[in-house]
């Protein structure tokens, strides 16, 4: 037997329960992994609350983790017992041990520690597709990144800065502004006391930005659209404040704007895409160009408190749950 955080109904953090569970032997194409660290992500709260539908209940939440392979199933090549690995497969990661598809599991290089891997796999590969593929950031660009002191935000700010961009970022406090500034954000904007729309207008001389990376949703959506330069791209990749209302696409016409709602699943659905994305992430982290800041650690059994702090925006950078 092992332990996991499961939910039997959707709702607030109180529905997260610490329970004993059984873990089966790995089947064909699968590996069993003993976790050393589990990543916390906003998408976990979407599943917990019911915002994102679940196929069935009860279920174990969690999308990413790192640990050691303890058993391999038939037909698994390239992974062996004792290998350090990480993955983004979910839900199901909020546990001490689980079985995962070998095709979604990645060997960790020596330069990447387990906690770092668990903290960065989902957020880091998300940042990779955002700044390298959804909109390929170029030297000289000025970009707007919402929630700049959050998990994806800190990685995206550093990566965009590494690519030569000027980074404008929204944050919720002076403390978070300093964190964002130390991680590549040239212009942290305290959105609670200053209009980020006005700030972008001032910083860009009224031109606007070619891309907005928005994981906040309803609270920022309209002003984000207004911040775009002609032919700019609105990238809505999350909705921590709730989903935007129905959108009239005619609003895009005056400046020939583009709107996309990307997902990590679509960008890493093929094994070769997953490998390319993770290799790029491992490279920028190992080189020091992108630093993974673990702002909080909780015992896995304290996942409910971690959810409360995340939703209250009391966290900075990445958070890991430790089995």
Protein backbone atom coordinates (compact mmCIF):
# COMPACT_ATOMS: atom_id res chain seq x y z
CA UNK A 1 0.00 0.00 0.00
CA UNK A 2 0.99 3.60 -0.55
CA UNK A 3 -0.60 7.01 0.07
CA UNK A 4 -2.22 9.55 -2.21
CA UNK A 5 -4.22 12.77 -2.11
CA UNK A 6 -7.61 11.99 -3.67
CA UNK A 7 -10.95 13.70 -4.15
CA UNK A 8 -14.35 11.99 -4.01
CA UNK A 9 -16.21 15.15 -5.03
CA UNK A 10 -15.29 18.48 -6.58
CA UNK A 11 -15.16 21.63 -4.48
CA UNK A 12 -12.79 23.67 -2.33
CA UNK A 13 -9.44 22.58 -0.88
CA UNK A 14 -11.27 20.71 1.89
CA UNK A 15 -12.19 17.92 -0.58
CA UNK A 16 -8.53 16.84 -0.79
CA UNK A 17 -8.16 13.66 1.27
CA UNK A 18 -5.00 11.76 2.34
CA UNK A 19 -5.72 8.07 1.76
CA UNK A 20 -4.14 4.65 1.43
CA UNK A 21 -4.18 3.31 -2.14
CA UNK A 22 -2.90 0.29 -3.98
CA UNK A 23 -0.47 0.58 -6.89
CA UNK A 24 -0.55 -2.10 -9.55
CA UNK A 25 2.44 -3.57 -11.33
CA UNK A 26 3.30 -1.74 -14.55
CA UNK A 27 1.75 -3.09 -17.72
CA UNK A 28 3.21 -3.13 -21.20
CA UNK A 29 4.85 0.20 -22.01
CA UNK A 30 4.61 1.43 -18.41
CA UNK A 31 6.97 2.12 -15.51
CA UNK A 32 6.40 2.37 -11.79
CA UNK A 33 7.90 5.49 -10.20
CA UNK A 34 8.53 6.23 -6.52
CA UNK A 35 8.15 9.99 -6.15
CA UNK A 36 10.65 12.22 -4.41
CA UNK A 37 8.83 15.46 -5.29
CA UNK A 38 5.50 16.44 -6.84
CA UNK A 39 4.74 19.72 -8.59
CA UNK A 40 1.82 22.02 -7.72
CA UNK A 41 0.05 23.81 -10.57
CA UNK A 42 -2.99 26.03 -11.00
CA UNK A 43 -4.55 23.44 -13.29
CA UNK A 44 -4.78 21.16 -10.24
CA UNK A 45 -7.26 23.62 -8.71
CA UNK A 46 -9.31 23.64 -11.92
CA UNK A 47 -9.76 19.86 -11.71
CA UNK A 48 -10.41 19.98 -7.96
CA UNK A 49 -13.09 22.67 -8.27
CA UNK A 50 -14.82 21.07 -11.24
CA UNK A 51 -13.93 23.87 -13.66
CA UNK A 52 -12.23 21.23 -15.80
CA UNK A 53 -14.34 18.06 -16.05
CA UNK A 54 -13.08 14.75 -14.71
CA UNK A 55 -13.95 11.40 -16.25
CA UNK A 56 -14.72 9.76 -12.92
CA UNK A 57 -14.39 10.02 -9.14
CA UNK A 58 -12.59 9.34 -6.87
CA UNK A 59 -9.38 10.52 -8.49
CA UNK A 60 -5.84 11.49 -7.55
CA UNK A 61 -4.90 15.00 -8.64
CA UNK A 62 -1.54 16.30 -9.85
CA UNK A 63 0.13 16.61 -13.24
CA UNK A 64 3.88 16.36 -12.69
CA UNK A 65 6.43 14.66 -10.48
CA UNK A 66 9.97 13.36 -10.30
CA UNK A 67 11.41 10.25 -8.74
CA UNK A 68 13.01 6.88 -9.34
CA UNK A 69 11.90 3.99 -11.52
CA UNK A 70 11.19 0.96 -9.32
CA UNK A 71 9.78 -1.44 -11.92
CA UNK A 72 9.38 -1.59 -15.69
CA UNK A 73 6.71 -3.26 -17.78
CA UNK A 74 7.02 -5.35 -20.90
CA UNK A 75 8.43 -3.62 -23.96
CA UNK A 76 9.95 -0.64 -22.15
CA UNK A 77 13.21 0.50 -23.69
CA UNK A 78 15.49 3.31 -22.58
CA UNK A 79 14.37 3.24 -18.94
CA UNK A 80 15.60 0.93 -16.19
CA UNK A 81 15.10 0.38 -12.48
CA UNK A 82 17.02 3.04 -10.57
CA UNK A 83 16.77 5.72 -13.27
CA UNK A 84 15.90 9.24 -12.15
CA UNK A 85 12.93 10.45 -14.16
CA UNK A 86 10.28 13.16 -14.40
CA UNK A 87 7.01 13.42 -16.25
CA UNK A 88 3.92 15.44 -17.00
CA UNK A 89 1.02 12.97 -16.94
CA UNK A 90 -2.18 13.64 -15.17
CA UNK A 91 -4.15 13.73 -13.17
CA UNK A 92 -2.57 11.29 -10.75
CA UNK A 93 0.72 12.69 -9.42
CA UNK A 94 -0.30 13.54 -5.82
CA UNK A 95 0.93 10.22 -4.49
CA UNK A 96 3.97 8.45 -3.11
CA UNK A 97 4.20 6.02 -6.00
CA UNK A 98 2.36 5.40 -9.29
CA UNK A 99 2.45 3.73 -12.69
CA UNK A 100 2.94 6.01 -15.71
CA UNK A 101 3.40 5.52 -19.46
CA UNK A 102 7.06 5.16 -20.35
CA UNK A 103 6.44 7.25 -23.49
CA UNK A 104 5.64 10.29 -21.30
CA UNK A 105 8.55 9.75 -18.90
CA UNK A 106 11.89 11.50 -19.32
CA UNK A 107 15.33 10.65 -18.03
CA UNK A 108 16.76 13.44 -15.92
CA UNK A 109 20.26 14.74 -16.63
CA UNK A 110 22.66 14.88 -13.69
CA UNK A 111 22.49 18.68 -13.68
CA UNK A 112 18.76 18.68 -12.82
CA UNK A 113 17.75 17.71 -9.28
CA UNK A 114 14.51 15.91 -8.47
CA UNK A 115 12.79 18.87 -6.77
CA UNK A 116 13.81 21.17 -9.60
CA UNK A 117 12.41 18.72 -12.14
CA UNK A 118 9.13 18.27 -10.28
CA UNK A 119 8.79 22.02 -9.96
CA UNK A 120 9.49 22.80 -13.60
CA UNK A 121 8.28 20.09 -15.94
CA UNK A 122 4.75 21.36 -16.59
CA UNK A 123 5.54 25.03 -16.05
CA UNK A 124 8.84 24.89 -17.93
CA UNK A 125 7.54 23.06 -20.98
CA UNK A 126 4.60 25.46 -20.96
CA UNK A 127 6.99 28.41 -20.96
CA UNK A 128 8.96 26.73 -23.76
CA UNK A 129 6.05 26.46 -26.15
CA UNK A 130 4.81 29.94 -25.24
CA UNK A 131 8.02 31.85 -25.95
CA UNK A 132 9.49 29.61 -28.65
CA UNK A 133 6.52 28.29 -30.61
CA UNK A 134 3.16 30.00 -29.91
CA UNK A 135 4.91 33.33 -30.43
CA UNK A 136 8.63 32.98 -31.14
CA UNK A 137 10.15 35.77 -29.08
CA UNK A 138 12.88 37.66 -30.92
CA UNK A 139 15.60 40.02 -29.75
CA UNK A 140 14.16 43.51 -29.62
CA UNK A 141 10.58 42.46 -28.86
CA UNK A 142 8.67 43.92 -25.94
CA UNK A 143 6.31 41.37 -24.42
CA UNK A 144 3.68 41.41 -21.67
CA UNK A 145 3.55 38.49 -19.24
CA UNK A 146 0.77 38.35 -16.65
CA UNK A 147 1.37 36.75 -13.23
CA UNK A 148 5.06 37.40 -13.76
CA UNK A 149 6.01 36.17 -10.28
CA UNK A 150 4.12 32.90 -10.64
CA UNK A 151 5.49 29.52 -11.62
CA UNK A 152 5.19 29.85 -15.39
CA UNK A 153 5.65 33.61 -15.21
CA UNK A 154 9.11 33.53 -13.63
CA UNK A 155 10.33 30.96 -16.14
CA UNK A 156 8.79 32.79 -19.10
CA UNK A 157 10.24 36.14 -17.98
CA UNK A 158 13.74 34.69 -17.76
CA UNK A 159 13.44 32.82 -21.04
CA UNK A 160 12.07 35.83 -22.94
CA UNK A 161 14.82 38.01 -21.49
CA UNK A 162 17.39 35.38 -22.46
CA UNK A 163 16.05 35.59 -26.02
CA UNK A 164 16.65 39.36 -26.03
CA UNK A 165 13.18 40.72 -25.27
CA UNK A 166 12.15 43.56 -23.01
CA UNK A 167 9.69 42.08 -20.51
CA UNK A 168 6.72 43.85 -18.95
CA UNK A 169 5.03 41.81 -16.22
CA UNK A 170 2.06 42.20 -13.91
CA UNK A 171 2.41 41.30 -10.22
CA UNK A 172 0.26 41.65 -7.13
CA UNK A 173 2.65 43.16 -4.59
CA UNK A 174 5.91 45.08 -4.18
CA UNK A 175 7.57 41.90 -2.93
CA UNK A 176 6.52 40.00 -6.03
CA UNK A 177 7.69 42.90 -8.17
CA UNK A 178 11.19 42.49 -6.77
CA UNK A 179 11.08 38.74 -7.38
CA UNK A 180 9.97 39.27 -10.98
CA UNK A 181 12.60 41.97 -11.56
CA UNK A 182 15.31 39.62 -10.33
CA UNK A 183 14.16 37.06 -12.88
CA UNK A 184 14.17 38.99 -16.12
CA UNK A 185 11.14 41.25 -15.80
CA UNK A 186 12.30 44.73 -16.84
CA UNK A 187 9.05 46.50 -15.95
CA UNK A 188 7.03 44.88 -13.13
CA UNK A 189 3.59 46.50 -12.90
CA UNK A 190 1.59 46.38 -9.65
CA UNK A 191 -1.78 45.77 -11.27
CA UNK A 192 -3.78 46.45 -8.08
CA UNK A 193 -2.58 50.05 -7.89
CA UNK A 194 -1.66 50.85 -11.50
CA UNK A 195 -3.35 50.24 -14.83
CA UNK A 196 -1.17 47.81 -16.77
CA UNK A 197 -2.84 49.05 -19.94
CA UNK A 198 -1.62 52.59 -19.23
CA UNK A 199 1.82 51.30 -18.26
CA UNK A 200 2.20 49.33 -21.51
CA UNK A 201 1.11 52.40 -23.47
CA UNK A 202 3.74 54.51 -21.71
CA UNK A 203 6.56 51.95 -21.98
CA UNK A 204 5.94 51.28 -25.67
CA UNK A 205 5.26 54.89 -26.64
CA UNK A 206 1.70 54.00 -27.60
CA UNK A 207 2.76 51.24 -30.02
CA UNK A 208 1.64 48.29 -27.89
CA UNK A 209 3.19 44.85 -27.65
CA UNK A 210 3.30 42.09 -30.27
CA UNK A 211 2.21 39.43 -27.77
CA UNK A 212 0.46 39.13 -24.41
CA UNK A 213 0.87 35.92 -22.39
CA UNK A 214 -2.20 35.75 -20.15
CA UNK A 215 -2.91 33.02 -17.59
CA UNK A 216 -5.22 35.20 -15.48
CA UNK A 217 -8.32 35.31 -17.67
CA UNK A 218 -11.39 37.42 -17.00
CA UNK A 219 -9.66 40.08 -14.85
CA UNK A 220 -7.06 40.93 -17.49
CA UNK A 221 -8.51 39.82 -20.82
CA UNK A 222 -10.04 43.04 -22.14
CA UNK A 223 -7.11 45.29 -21.26
CA UNK A 224 -4.71 42.68 -22.62
CA UNK A 225 -6.44 42.89 -26.00
CA UNK A 226 -6.11 46.68 -25.81
CA UNK A 227 -2.36 46.40 -25.15
CA UNK A 228 -1.64 44.65 -28.45
CA UNK A 229 0.06 46.31 -31.38
CA UNK A 230 -1.45 45.85 -34.85
CA UNK A 231 -1.33 42.17 -35.88
CA UNK A 232 -0.47 41.27 -32.28
CA UNK A 233 -1.19 37.92 -30.65
CA UNK A 234 -3.26 37.38 -27.52
CA UNK A 235 -2.17 34.11 -25.88
CA UNK A 236 -4.72 33.00 -23.28
CA UNK A 237 -3.16 29.93 -21.68
CA UNK A 238 -4.89 29.94 -18.28
CA UNK A 239 -7.70 31.49 -16.27
CA UNK A 240 -6.79 31.83 -12.61
CA UNK A 241 -9.41 34.58 -12.14
CA UNK A 242 -12.03 32.73 -14.18
CA UNK A 243 -12.71 32.27 -17.90
CA UNK A 244 -13.34 35.36 -20.02
CA UNK A 245 -16.92 35.85 -21.23
CA UNK A 246 -18.00 34.98 -24.75
CA UNK A 247 -15.88 37.01 -27.18
CA UNK A 248 -16.99 38.80 -30.35
CA UNK A 249 -14.23 38.10 -32.87
CA UNK A 250 -15.14 41.31 -34.70
CA UNK A 251 -13.20 43.08 -31.94
CA UNK A 252 -10.02 41.70 -33.49
CA UNK A 253 -10.63 43.34 -36.85
CA UNK A 254 -9.54 46.99 -36.34
CA UNK A 255 -5.93 45.99 -35.63
CA UNK A 256 -6.01 42.55 -37.34
CA UNK A 257 -5.31 40.86 -34.03
CA UNK A 258 -4.88 37.15 -33.39
CA UNK A 259 -6.24 35.15 -30.44
CA UNK A 260 -5.18 31.64 -29.38
CA UNK A 261 -6.03 29.32 -26.49
CA UNK A 262 -3.11 26.86 -26.48
CA UNK A 263 -2.56 23.81 -24.31
CA UNK A 264 0.52 21.89 -23.27
CA UNK A 265 -1.13 18.66 -24.34
CA UNK A 266 -1.44 19.82 -27.93
CA UNK A 267 2.13 21.09 -28.03
CA UNK A 268 3.63 17.87 -26.61
CA UNK A 269 1.21 15.23 -27.88
CA UNK A 270 3.90 13.52 -29.95
CA UNK A 271 6.91 11.95 -28.22
CA UNK A 272 9.30 13.90 -30.47
CA UNK A 273 7.66 17.20 -29.46
CA UNK A 274 7.91 16.28 -25.79
CA UNK A 275 11.59 15.40 -26.16
CA UNK A 276 12.40 18.62 -28.02
CA UNK A 277 10.54 20.75 -25.50
CA UNK A 278 12.10 19.10 -22.45
CA UNK A 279 15.58 19.15 -24.01
CA UNK A 280 15.28 22.91 -24.56
CA UNK A 281 14.10 23.31 -20.97
CA UNK A 282 16.92 21.17 -19.54
CA UNK A 283 19.45 23.16 -21.58
CA UNK A 284 18.39 26.64 -20.42
CA UNK A 285 18.15 25.49 -16.80
CA UNK A 286 21.47 23.63 -16.82
CA UNK A 287 23.17 26.66 -18.40
CA UNK A 288 21.85 28.98 -15.71
CA UNK A 289 19.96 31.15 -18.21
CA UNK A 290 16.72 30.14 -16.46
CA UNK A 291 16.69 29.51 -12.73
CA UNK A 292 13.91 27.46 -11.16
CA UNK A 293 12.94 29.11 -7.90
CA UNK A 294 11.13 26.86 -5.45
CA UNK A 295 9.31 29.37 -3.29
CA UNK A 296 7.38 26.91 -1.14
CA UNK A 297 7.57 23.30 0.02
CA UNK A 298 4.71 21.40 1.65
CA UNK A 299 4.38 17.84 2.81
CA UNK A 300 2.25 15.96 0.28
CA UNK A 301 -0.35 15.39 2.98
CA UNK A 302 -0.69 19.18 3.32
CA UNK A 303 -1.87 19.61 -0.28
CA UNK A 304 -5.08 21.34 0.86
CA UNK A 305 -3.11 24.16 2.46
CA UNK A 306 -0.93 24.42 -0.63
CA UNK A 307 -4.08 24.87 -2.72
CA UNK A 308 -5.38 27.56 -0.37
CA UNK A 309 -2.13 29.50 -0.57
CA UNK A 310 -1.92 29.14 -4.35
CA UNK A 311 -5.46 30.38 -4.93
CA UNK A 312 -4.96 33.26 -2.49
CA UNK A 313 -1.86 34.29 -4.49
CA UNK A 314 0.33 33.87 -1.41
CA UNK A 315 2.92 31.85 -3.35
CA UNK A 316 5.80 32.93 -5.57
CA UNK A 317 7.67 30.91 -8.14
CA UNK A 318 7.26 27.14 -8.02
CA UNK A 319 5.84 24.95 -5.26
CA UNK A 320 6.63 21.30 -4.57
CA UNK A 321 4.83 18.73 -2.47
CA UNK A 322 7.21 16.33 -0.73
CA UNK A 323 6.03 12.73 -0.12
